[in-house]
Amino acid sequence: MSSSSHHAETADSQRQPAPQRAVIYDAYDLTFLPRHPGEGWTRFVCISDTHSHIFHVPPGDVLLHAGDLSRHGTLKDLEVTLNWLKTLPHPAKFFIAGNHDLCLDAQYEQGGALRGFKPPNLRDKACDLSAARRLVRSNSLRKAGMHYLEHEAATYTAKSGKTYTIYGSPAAPVYSVGAFQYSPGGGKRIYARIPPSVDILMTHTPSLGVCDITKRGKHAGCPELAERLMDDDMKSCRLHVCGHIHEARGVAVVGQAEENPDGRISVNAALPSIPLPIIIDLMD
């Protein structure tokens, strides 16, 4: 497999080039990994849509998993993925759910809005739903450096002292029976919750027009997420990681602004089509 890196960089309007502040690796040899840039940099390793399968994931400072942890949405499926993630060497691991992760959506509980659509493999007697939601926030996962985000933010402090604010949302536009889905128009309220201080954004769905083209050539990303990302208070967001549309795996650099001259690196990290995690190195 060939190696490929992209540099997100700017140049002074006079002569001096600005220092390189981001490096993207979306094609490389897993047996000959790109060297970590060293002190003052943080390596983010991005994956998504693992669906209870095990993949070779290179080491890094932070692992970001953008949802669809499970294959059929059961507690058993979820446990396969979480047990695997615990073994990975990254000191910090942030993960969200996706539309396949039914056992993490409280709307399938008794009295929930989606209770009538609950598939039989989500077992009430085994308490799949409540047990799954307790598991993702358990002390055992925290001790392994794992942090589950569901419409909420967390922080990661790099060795340099730089603190990154990371926000995660499992939501996606409705598609068949699934978890954390919303009807057209429902995304505006959901994405309004993204804090203006966010450095790293994780959503299961891509935004409309960015790493979202299906095998039929259609843009399947969310227009309301795209609108939110255009807001002035989102201009400092440096990295957006998503998945959902497997065949749209890839990277785009968008949203260059005075507050963020390198632009926002948008990553669709879905693994089923190309089983290669995407590495993003950011200068702190």
C-alpha atoms as a PDB file:
ATOM      1  CA  MET A   1       0.000   0.000   0.000  1.00  0.00           C
ATOM      2  CA  SER A   2       1.349   3.408  -0.842  1.00  0.00           C
ATOM      3  CA  SER A   3       2.029   6.154   1.669  1.00  0.00           C
ATOM      4  CA  SER A   4       0.286   9.476   1.372  1.00  0.00           C
ATOM      5  CA  SER A   5       0.264  12.557   3.543  1.00  0.00           C
ATOM      6  CA  HIS A   6      -1.268  15.976   3.120  1.00  0.00           C
ATOM      7  CA  HIS A   7      -0.159  19.164   4.810  1.00  0.00           C
ATOM      8  CA  ALA A   8      -2.649  21.760   5.980  1.00  0.00           C
ATOM      9  CA  GLU A   9      -0.524  24.879   5.897  1.00  0.00           C
ATOM     10  CA  THR A  10      -0.654  28.587   5.107  1.00  0.00           C
ATOM     11  CA  ALA A  11       1.812  31.200   3.918  1.00  0.00           C
ATOM     12  CA  ASP A  12       2.503  34.746   5.023  1.00  0.00           C
ATOM     13  CA  SER A  13       1.232  37.244   2.462  1.00  0.00           C
ATOM     14  CA  GLN A  14       4.818  38.579   2.184  1.00  0.00           C
ATOM     15  CA  ARG A  15       7.546  35.932   2.144  1.00  0.00           C
ATOM     16  CA  GLN A  16       7.672  33.698   5.218  1.00  0.00           C
ATOM     17  CA  PRO A  17       5.750  30.417   5.114  1.00  0.00           C
ATOM     18  CA  ALA A  18       3.708  29.696   8.229  1.00  0.00           C
ATOM     19  CA  PRO A  19       4.725  26.657  10.262  1.00  0.00           C
ATOM     20  CA  GLN A  20       3.011  23.434   9.312  1.00  0.00           C
ATOM     21  CA  ARG A  21       0.291  22.805  11.919  1.00  0.00           C
ATOM     22  CA  ALA A  22      -1.415  19.629  10.666  1.00  0.00           C
ATOM     23  CA  VAL A  23      -0.454  16.488   8.777  1.00  0.00           C
ATOM     24  CA  ILE A  24      -2.936  13.964   7.348  1.00  0.00           C
ATOM     25  CA  TYR A  25      -2.198  10.299   6.649  1.00  0.00           C
ATOM     26  CA  ASP A  26      -5.016   8.570   4.782  1.00  0.00           C
ATOM     27  CA  ALA A  27      -2.897   6.107   2.798  1.00  0.00           C
ATOM     28  CA  TYR A  28       0.124   4.429   4.329  1.00  0.00           C
ATOM     29  CA  ASP A  29       1.636   1.012   5.017  1.00  0.00           C
ATOM     30  CA  LEU A  30       0.481  -0.477   8.330  1.00  0.00           C
ATOM     31  CA  THR A  31       3.811  -2.293   8.585  1.00  0.00           C
ATOM     32  CA  PHE A  32       5.786   0.951   8.169  1.00  0.00           C
ATOM     33  CA  LEU A  33       3.941   3.658  10.075  1.00  0.00           C
ATOM     34  CA  PRO A  34       4.537   7.383   9.662  1.00  0.00           C
ATOM     35  CA  ARG A  35       6.766   8.714  12.421  1.00  0.00           C
ATOM     36  CA  HIS A  36       5.125  10.691  15.217  1.00  0.00           C
ATOM     37  CA  PRO A  37       6.160  14.363  14.813  1.00  0.00           C
ATOM     38  CA  GLY A  38       7.236  14.553  18.452  1.00  0.00           C
ATOM     39  CA  GLU A  39       6.951  17.062  21.253  1.00  0.00           C
ATOM     40  CA  GLY A  40       4.279  19.716  20.847  1.00  0.00           C
ATOM     41  CA  TRP A  41       2.130  17.544  18.583  1.00  0.00           C
ATOM     42  CA  THR A  42      -0.825  15.242  19.217  1.00  0.00           C
ATOM     43  CA  ARG A  43      -1.549  12.214  17.045  1.00  0.00           C
ATOM     44  CA  PHE A  44      -5.259  11.459  16.592  1.00  0.00           C
ATOM     45  CA  VAL A  45      -6.123   8.040  15.144  1.00  0.00           C
ATOM     46  CA  CYS A  46      -9.609   8.049  13.595  1.00  0.00           C
ATOM     47  CA  ILE A  47     -11.887   5.039  13.068  1.00  0.00           C
ATOM     48  CA  SER A  48     -15.621   4.458  12.637  1.00  0.00           C
ATOM     49  CA  ASP A  49     -18.222   1.847  11.705  1.00  0.00           C
ATOM     50  CA  THR A  50     -16.308  -1.131  13.048  1.00  0.00           C
ATOM     51  CA  HIS A  51     -19.563  -3.107  13.582  1.00  0.00           C
ATOM     52  CA  SER A  52     -18.134  -5.625  16.097  1.00  0.00           C
ATOM     53  CA  HIS A  53     -15.193  -6.437  13.825  1.00  0.00           C
ATOM     54  CA  ILE A  54     -11.554  -6.227  14.850  1.00  0.00           C
ATOM     55  CA  PHE A  55      -9.127  -4.103  12.847  1.00  0.00           C
ATOM     56  CA  HIS A  56      -5.418  -3.327  12.958  1.00  0.00           C
ATOM     57  CA  VAL A  57      -5.173   0.150  14.505  1.00  0.00           C
ATOM     58  CA  PRO A  58      -1.853   2.027  14.704  1.00  0.00           C
ATOM     59  CA  PRO A  59      -0.817   3.615  18.010  1.00  0.00           C
ATOM     60  CA  GLY A  60      -1.254   7.289  18.768  1.00  0.00           C
ATOM     61  CA  ASP A  61      -2.014   9.744  21.547  1.00  0.00           C
ATOM     62  CA  VAL A  62      -5.801   9.773  21.097  1.00  0.00           C
ATOM     63  CA  LEU A  63      -8.185   7.298  19.472  1.00  0.00           C
ATOM     64  CA  LEU A  64     -11.440   8.703  18.052  1.00  0.00           C
ATOM     65  CA  HIS A  65     -14.255   6.251  17.182  1.00  0.00           C
ATOM     66  CA  ALA A  66     -17.181   7.917  15.374  1.00  0.00           C
ATOM     67  CA  GLY A  67     -19.892   5.333  16.006  1.00  0.00           C
ATOM     68  CA  ASP A  68     -21.539   2.136  14.827  1.00  0.00           C
ATOM     69  CA  LEU A  69     -19.666   0.171  17.431  1.00  0.00           C
ATOM     70  CA  SER A  70     -21.925  -2.853  17.026  1.00  0.00           C
ATOM     71  CA  ARG A  71     -23.202  -5.017  14.202  1.00  0.00           C
ATOM     72  CA  HIS A  72     -26.800  -5.714  15.257  1.00  0.00           C
ATOM     73  CA  GLY A  73     -27.117  -3.322  18.173  1.00  0.00           C
ATOM     74  CA  THR A  74     -27.071  -5.904  20.963  1.00  0.00           C
ATOM     75  CA  LEU A  75     -25.174  -5.804  24.236  1.00  0.00           C
ATOM     76  CA  LYS A  76     -23.161  -8.834  23.120  1.00  0.00           C
ATOM     77  CA  ASP A  77     -22.098  -7.045  19.936  1.00  0.00           C
ATOM     78  CA  LEU A  78     -21.186  -3.930  21.894  1.00  0.00           C
ATOM     79  CA  GLU A  79     -19.065  -5.896  24.359  1.00  0.00           C
ATOM     80  CA  VAL A  80     -16.969  -7.329  21.503  1.00  0.00           C
ATOM     81  CA  THR A  81     -16.002  -3.833  20.395  1.00  0.00           C
ATOM     82  CA  LEU A  82     -15.448  -2.374  23.856  1.00  0.00           C
ATOM     83  CA  ASN A  83     -13.266  -5.299  24.923  1.00  0.00           C
ATOM     84  CA  TRP A  84     -11.188  -4.801  21.787  1.00  0.00           C
ATOM     85  CA  LEU A  85     -10.891  -1.026  22.283  1.00  0.00           C
ATOM     86  CA  LYS A  86      -9.680  -1.598  25.838  1.00  0.00           C
ATOM     87  CA  THR A  87      -6.687  -3.510  24.487  1.00  0.00           C
ATOM     88  CA  LEU A  88      -5.536  -0.699  22.177  1.00  0.00           C
ATOM     89  CA  PRO A  89      -2.484   1.263  23.360  1.00  0.00           C
ATOM     90  CA  HIS A  90      -3.827   4.818  23.010  1.00  0.00           C
ATOM     91  CA  PRO A  91      -3.735   6.612  26.395  1.00  0.00           C
ATOM     92  CA  ALA A  92      -7.061   8.342  25.654  1.00  0.00           C
ATOM     93  CA  LYS A  93      -9.974   6.933  23.650  1.00  0.00           C
ATOM     94  CA  PHE A  94     -13.151   8.871  22.879  1.00  0.00           C
ATOM     95  CA  PHE A  95     -16.107   7.103  21.283  1.00  0.00           C
ATOM     96  CA  ILE A  96     -19.704   7.754  20.292  1.00  0.00           C
ATOM     97  CA  ALA A  97     -22.596   5.568  19.179  1.00  0.00           C
ATOM     98  CA  GLY A  98     -24.202   5.369  15.755  1.00  0.00           C
ATOM     99  CA  ASN A  99     -27.476   4.304  14.171  1.00  0.00           C
ATOM    100  CA  HIS A 100     -26.596   0.592  14.567  1.00  0.00           C
ATOM    101  CA  ASP A 101     -26.072   0.893  18.321  1.00  0.00           C
ATOM    102  CA  LEU A 102     -29.676   0.280  19.374  1.00  0.00           C
ATOM    103  CA  CYS A 103     -28.794  -0.910  22.866  1.00  0.00           C
ATOM    104  CA  LEU A 104     -27.439   2.558  23.717  1.00  0.00           C
ATOM    105  CA  ASP A 105     -30.569   4.488  22.685  1.00  0.00           C
ATOM    106  CA  ALA A 106     -32.899   4.992  25.664  1.00  0.00           C
ATOM    107  CA  GLN A 107     -35.831   5.471  23.286  1.00  0.00           C
ATOM    108  CA  TYR A 108     -36.031   1.666  22.944  1.00  0.00           C
ATOM    109  CA  GLU A 109     -36.628   1.257  26.684  1.00  0.00           C
ATOM    110  CA  GLN A 110     -40.089   0.623  28.135  1.00  0.00           C
ATOM    111  CA  GLY A 111     -42.089   3.812  27.579  1.00  0.00           C
ATOM    112  CA  GLY A 112     -39.625   5.161  25.027  1.00  0.00           C
ATOM    113  CA  ALA A 113     -40.680   6.669  21.709  1.00  0.00           C
ATOM    114  CA  LEU A 114     -39.175   3.777  19.727  1.00  0.00           C
ATOM    115  CA  ARG A 115     -40.308   0.963  22.001  1.00  0.00           C
ATOM    116  CA  GLY A 116     -42.735  -0.349  19.381  1.00  0.00           C
ATOM    117  CA  PHE A 117     -39.852  -0.817  16.925  1.00  0.00           C
ATOM    118  CA  LYS A 118     -37.568  -2.704  19.324  1.00  0.00           C
ATOM    119  CA  PRO A 119     -36.162  -5.781  17.547  1.00  0.00           C
ATOM    120  CA  PRO A 120     -36.446  -9.106  19.395  1.00  0.00           C
ATOM    121  CA  ASN A 121     -32.678  -9.477  19.684  1.00  0.00           C
ATOM    122  CA  LEU A 122     -32.658  -6.597  22.200  1.00  0.00           C
ATOM    123  CA  ARG A 123     -33.504  -8.710  25.229  1.00  0.00           C
ATOM    124  CA  ASP A 124     -35.537  -7.297  28.096  1.00  0.00           C
ATOM    125  CA  LYS A 125     -34.802 -10.197  30.429  1.00  0.00           C
ATOM    126  CA  ALA A 126     -31.069  -9.754  29.974  1.00  0.00           C
ATOM    127  CA  CYS A 127     -31.476  -5.974  30.438  1.00  0.00           C
ATOM    128  CA  ASP A 128     -29.479  -5.308  27.270  1.00  0.00           C
ATOM    129  CA  LEU A 129     -30.516  -1.663  27.129  1.00  0.00           C
ATOM    130  CA  SER A 130     -29.834  -0.559  30.687  1.00  0.00           C
ATOM    131  CA  ALA A 131     -26.728  -2.751  30.977  1.00  0.00           C
ATOM    132  CA  ALA A 132     -25.256  -1.331  27.773  1.00  0.00           C
ATOM    133  CA  ARG A 133     -25.703   2.261  28.907  1.00  0.00           C
ATOM    134  CA  ARG A 134     -24.108   1.481  32.264  1.00  0.00           C
ATOM    135  CA  LEU A 135     -21.228  -0.320  30.570  1.00  0.00           C
ATOM    136  CA  VAL A 136     -20.131   2.583  28.361  1.00  0.00           C
ATOM    137  CA  ARG A 137     -19.820   4.789  31.450  1.00  0.00           C
ATOM    138  CA  SER A 138     -18.304   2.151  33.726  1.00  0.00           C
ATOM    139  CA  ASN A 139     -15.211   2.578  35.865  1.00  0.00           C
ATOM    140  CA  SER A 140     -13.510  -0.281  34.038  1.00  0.00           C
ATOM    141  CA  LEU A 141     -13.662   1.649  30.770  1.00  0.00           C
ATOM    142  CA  ARG A 142     -12.559   4.883  32.395  1.00  0.00           C
ATOM    143  CA  LYS A 143      -9.531   3.080  33.833  1.00  0.00           C
ATOM    144  CA  ALA A 144      -8.709   2.037  30.249  1.00  0.00           C
ATOM    145  CA  GLY A 145      -8.825   5.708  29.186  1.00  0.00           C
ATOM    146  CA  MET A 146     -12.173   5.314  27.392  1.00  0.00           C
ATOM    147  CA  HIS A 147     -14.731   8.142  27.336  1.00  0.00           C
ATOM    148  CA  TYR A 148     -18.227   7.764  25.889  1.00  0.00           C
ATOM    149  CA  LEU A 149     -19.787  10.950  24.517  1.00  0.00           C
ATOM    150  CA  GLU A 150     -23.516  11.312  23.858  1.00  0.00           C
ATOM    151  CA  HIS A 151     -24.356  14.927  23.017  1.00  0.00           C
ATOM    152  CA  GLU A 152     -21.667  16.054  25.439  1.00  0.00           C
ATOM    153  CA  ALA A 153     -18.127  17.373  25.664  1.00  0.00           C
ATOM    154  CA  ALA A 154     -14.944  16.182  27.330  1.00  0.00           C
ATOM    155  CA  THR A 155     -11.385  17.446  27.390  1.00  0.00           C
ATOM    156  CA  TYR A 156      -8.004  15.940  26.630  1.00  0.00           C
ATOM    157  CA  THR A 157      -4.795  17.566  27.858  1.00  0.00           C
ATOM    158  CA  ALA A 158      -1.747  16.840  25.733  1.00  0.00           C
ATOM    159  CA  LYS A 159       1.759  16.408  27.105  1.00  0.00           C
ATOM    160  CA  SER A 160       2.489  19.979  26.023  1.00  0.00           C
ATOM    161  CA  GLY A 161      -0.269  21.272  28.314  1.00  0.00           C
ATOM    162  CA  LYS A 162      -2.608  22.104  25.444  1.00  0.00           C
ATOM    163  CA  THR A 163      -6.211  21.172  26.293  1.00  0.00           C
ATOM    164  CA  TYR A 164      -8.490  19.996  23.479  1.00  0.00           C
ATOM    165  CA  THR A 165     -12.255  20.194  23.871  1.00  0.00           C
ATOM    166  CA  ILE A 166     -13.899  17.174  22.213  1.00  0.00           C
ATOM    167  CA  TYR A 167     -17.643  16.990  21.560  1.00  0.00           C
ATOM    168  CA  GLY A 168     -19.507  13.881  20.424  1.00  0.00           C
ATOM    169  CA  SER A 169     -22.982  13.303  18.984  1.00  0.00           C
ATOM    170  CA  PRO A 170     -24.327   9.904  17.824  1.00  0.00           C
ATOM    171  CA  ALA A 171     -27.176  11.413  15.814  1.00  0.00           C
ATOM    172  CA  ALA A 172     -27.886  10.866  12.110  1.00  0.00           C
ATOM    173  CA  PRO A 173     -30.786  11.541   9.733  1.00  0.00           C
ATOM    174  CA  VAL A 174     -33.441   8.831   9.850  1.00  0.00           C
ATOM    175  CA  TYR A 175     -32.761   5.771   7.710  1.00  0.00           C
ATOM    176  CA  SER A 176     -34.860   2.676   8.349  1.00  0.00           C
ATOM    177  CA  VAL A 177     -35.034   1.440  11.950  1.00  0.00           C
ATOM    178  CA  GLY A 178     -32.050   2.661  13.932  1.00  0.00           C
ATOM    179  CA  ALA A 179     -30.716   4.504  16.946  1.00  0.00           C
ATOM    180  CA  PHE A 180     -30.279   8.209  17.610  1.00  0.00           C
ATOM    181  CA  GLN A 181     -32.017   9.224  14.382  1.00  0.00           C
ATOM    182  CA  TYR A 182     -33.954  12.368  13.593  1.00  0.00           C
ATOM    183  CA  SER A 183     -36.433  13.439  10.942  1.00  0.00           C
ATOM    184  CA  PRO A 184     -35.736  16.285   8.495  1.00  0.00           C
ATOM    185  CA  GLY A 185     -35.503  19.493  10.469  1.00  0.00           C
ATOM    186  CA  GLY A 186     -34.624  17.691  13.694  1.00  0.00           C
ATOM    187  CA  GLY A 187     -30.905  18.196  13.384  1.00  0.00           C
ATOM    188  CA  LYS A 188     -30.970  21.944  14.015  1.00  0.00           C
ATOM    189  CA  ARG A 189     -31.794  21.558  17.705  1.00  0.00           C
ATOM    190  CA  ILE A 190     -29.326  18.668  18.108  1.00  0.00           C
ATOM    191  CA  TYR A 191     -26.340  20.451  16.605  1.00  0.00           C
ATOM    192  CA  ALA A 192     -27.110  23.737  18.327  1.00  0.00           C
ATOM    193  CA  ARG A 193     -25.749  21.981  21.418  1.00  0.00           C
ATOM    194  CA  ILE A 194     -22.203  21.848  20.015  1.00  0.00           C
ATOM    195  CA  PRO A 195     -20.197  24.272  22.186  1.00  0.00           C
ATOM    196  CA  PRO A 196     -18.387  27.155  20.476  1.00  0.00           C
ATOM    197  CA  SER A 197     -15.160  26.163  22.249  1.00  0.00           C
ATOM    198  CA  VAL A 198     -14.934  22.787  20.475  1.00  0.00           C
ATOM    199  CA  ASP A 199     -11.590  21.826  18.949  1.00  0.00           C
ATOM    200  CA  ILE A 200     -12.480  18.275  17.915  1.00  0.00           C
ATOM    201  CA  LEU A 201     -16.003  17.359  16.762  1.00  0.00           C
ATOM    202  CA  MET A 202     -17.243  13.778  16.474  1.00  0.00           C
ATOM    203  CA  THR A 203     -20.564  13.057  14.765  1.00  0.00           C
ATOM    204  CA  HIS A 204     -21.776   9.798  13.323  1.00  0.00           C
ATOM    205  CA  THR A 205     -23.197  11.460  10.231  1.00  0.00           C
ATOM    206  CA  PRO A 206     -21.105  13.535   7.856  1.00  0.00           C
ATOM    207  CA  SER A 207     -22.239  17.023   7.007  1.00  0.00           C
ATOM    208  CA  LEU A 208     -23.874  17.545   3.634  1.00  0.00           C
ATOM    209  CA  GLY A 209     -21.346  17.791   0.828  1.00  0.00           C
ATOM    210  CA  VAL A 210     -18.240  16.685   2.742  1.00  0.00           C
ATOM    211  CA  CYS A 211     -17.115  13.031   2.606  1.00  0.00           C
ATOM    212  CA  ASP A 212     -20.730  11.930   2.171  1.00  0.00           C
ATOM    213  CA  ILE A 213     -21.160  10.556  -1.368  1.00  0.00           C
ATOM    214  CA  THR A 214     -22.889   7.164  -1.544  1.00  0.00           C
ATOM    215  CA  LYS A 215     -22.146   4.430  -4.068  1.00  0.00           C
ATOM    216  CA  ARG A 216     -25.102   5.784  -6.063  1.00  0.00           C
ATOM    217  CA  GLY A 217     -23.411   9.181  -6.299  1.00  0.00           C
ATOM    218  CA  LYS A 218     -25.787  10.932  -3.882  1.00  0.00           C
ATOM    219  CA  HIS A 219     -24.816  13.301  -1.076  1.00  0.00           C
ATOM    220  CA  ALA A 220     -26.168  11.701   2.115  1.00  0.00           C
ATOM    221  CA  GLY A 221     -24.765  14.039   4.759  1.00  0.00           C
ATOM    222  CA  CYS A 222     -26.858  16.209   7.048  1.00  0.00           C
ATOM    223  CA  PRO A 223     -27.695  19.726   5.802  1.00  0.00           C
ATOM    224  CA  GLU A 224     -28.419  20.995   9.322  1.00  0.00           C
ATOM    225  CA  LEU A 225     -25.002  19.876  10.532  1.00  0.00           C
ATOM    226  CA  ALA A 226     -23.471  21.612   7.526  1.00  0.00           C
ATOM    227  CA  GLU A 227     -25.301  24.813   8.480  1.00  0.00           C
ATOM    228  CA  ARG A 228     -24.065  24.585  12.070  1.00  0.00           C
ATOM    229  CA  LEU A 229     -20.487  24.161  10.893  1.00  0.00           C
ATOM    230  CA  MET A 230     -20.836  27.406   8.927  1.00  0.00           C
ATOM    231  CA  ASP A 231     -21.605  29.418  12.074  1.00  0.00           C
ATOM    232  CA  ASP A 232     -18.974  31.905  13.206  1.00  0.00           C
ATOM    233  CA  ASP A 233     -18.535  30.197  16.556  1.00  0.00           C
ATOM    234  CA  MET A 234     -17.425  26.981  14.830  1.00  0.00           C
ATOM    235  CA  LYS A 235     -14.497  28.511  12.970  1.00  0.00           C
ATOM    236  CA  SER A 236     -11.981  27.357  15.574  1.00  0.00           C
ATOM    237  CA  CYS A 237     -12.929  23.670  15.165  1.00  0.00           C
ATOM    238  CA  ARG A 238      -9.804  21.977  13.784  1.00  0.00           C
ATOM    239  CA  LEU A 239     -10.960  18.402  13.269  1.00  0.00           C
ATOM    240  CA  HIS A 240     -14.353  16.829  12.492  1.00  0.00           C
ATOM    241  CA  VAL A 241     -14.523  13.021  12.514  1.00  0.00           C
ATOM    242  CA  CYS A 242     -17.557  11.104  11.210  1.00  0.00           C
ATOM    243  CA  GLY A 243     -18.464   7.829   9.509  1.00  0.00           C
ATOM    244  CA  HIS A 244     -21.857   6.331   8.570  1.00  0.00           C
ATOM    245  CA  ILE A 245     -21.406   6.438   4.771  1.00  0.00           C
ATOM    246  CA  HIS A 246     -18.886   3.623   4.385  1.00  0.00           C
ATOM    247  CA  GLU A 247     -17.975   4.264   0.776  1.00  0.00           C
ATOM    248  CA  ALA A 248     -17.293   7.963   1.470  1.00  0.00           C
ATOM    249  CA  ARG A 249     -14.234   7.192   3.605  1.00  0.00           C
ATOM    250  CA  GLY A 250     -11.671   9.955   3.104  1.00  0.00           C
ATOM    251  CA  VAL A 251     -10.484  13.417   4.109  1.00  0.00           C
ATOM    252  CA  ALA A 252     -11.324  16.982   3.086  1.00  0.00           C
ATOM    253  CA  VAL A 253      -9.971  20.299   4.358  1.00  0.00           C
ATOM    254  CA  VAL A 254     -12.652  22.991   4.508  1.00  0.00           C
ATOM    255  CA  GLY A 255     -13.617  26.148   6.368  1.00  0.00           C
ATOM    256  CA  GLN A 256     -10.398  28.155   6.300  1.00  0.00           C
ATOM    257  CA  ALA A 257     -10.851  31.237   8.476  1.00  0.00           C
ATOM    258  CA  GLU A 258      -8.799  33.891  10.240  1.00  0.00           C
ATOM    259  CA  GLU A 259      -9.312  32.036  13.535  1.00  0.00           C
ATOM    260  CA  ASN A 260      -8.235  28.778  11.889  1.00  0.00           C
ATOM    261  CA  PRO A 261      -6.158  29.479   8.769  1.00  0.00           C
ATOM    262  CA  ASP A 262      -5.391  25.794   8.233  1.00  0.00           C
ATOM    263  CA  GLY A 263      -9.095  25.052   7.936  1.00  0.00           C
ATOM    264  CA  ARG A 264     -11.117  22.261   9.484  1.00  0.00           C
ATOM    265  CA  ILE A 265      -9.967  18.751   8.647  1.00  0.00           C
ATOM    266  CA  SER A 266     -13.047  16.637   7.926  1.00  0.00           C
ATOM    267  CA  VAL A 267     -12.499  12.882   8.203  1.00  0.00           C
ATOM    268  CA  ASN A 268     -14.892  10.094   7.257  1.00  0.00           C
ATOM    269  CA  ALA A 269     -13.161   7.287   9.116  1.00  0.00           C
ATOM    270  CA  ALA A 270     -15.464   4.377   8.184  1.00  0.00           C
ATOM    271  CA  LEU A 271     -13.414   1.187   8.015  1.00  0.00           C
ATOM    272  CA  PRO A 272     -15.537  -1.387   6.115  1.00  0.00           C
ATOM    273  CA  SER A 273     -14.632  -0.157   2.617  1.00  0.00           C
ATOM    274  CA  ILE A 274     -10.962   0.577   3.311  1.00  0.00           C
ATOM    275  CA  PRO A 275      -9.767  -1.013   6.578  1.00  0.00           C
ATOM    276  CA  LEU A 276      -7.142   1.645   7.250  1.00  0.00           C
ATOM    277  CA  PRO A 277      -7.506   4.126  10.145  1.00  0.00           C
ATOM    278  CA  ILE A 278      -6.857   7.741   9.241  1.00  0.00           C
ATOM    279  CA  ILE A 279      -4.094   9.480  11.201  1.00  0.00           C
ATOM    280  CA  ILE A 280      -4.209  13.207  11.902  1.00  0.00           C
ATOM    281  CA  ASP A 281      -1.238  14.936  13.544  1.00  0.00           C
ATOM    282  CA  LEU A 282      -2.043  18.361  15.011  1.00  0.00           C
ATOM    283  CA  MET A 283       0.393  20.881  16.399  1.00  0.00           C
ATOM    284  CA  ASP A 284      -0.779  21.731  19.913  1.00  0.00           C
END
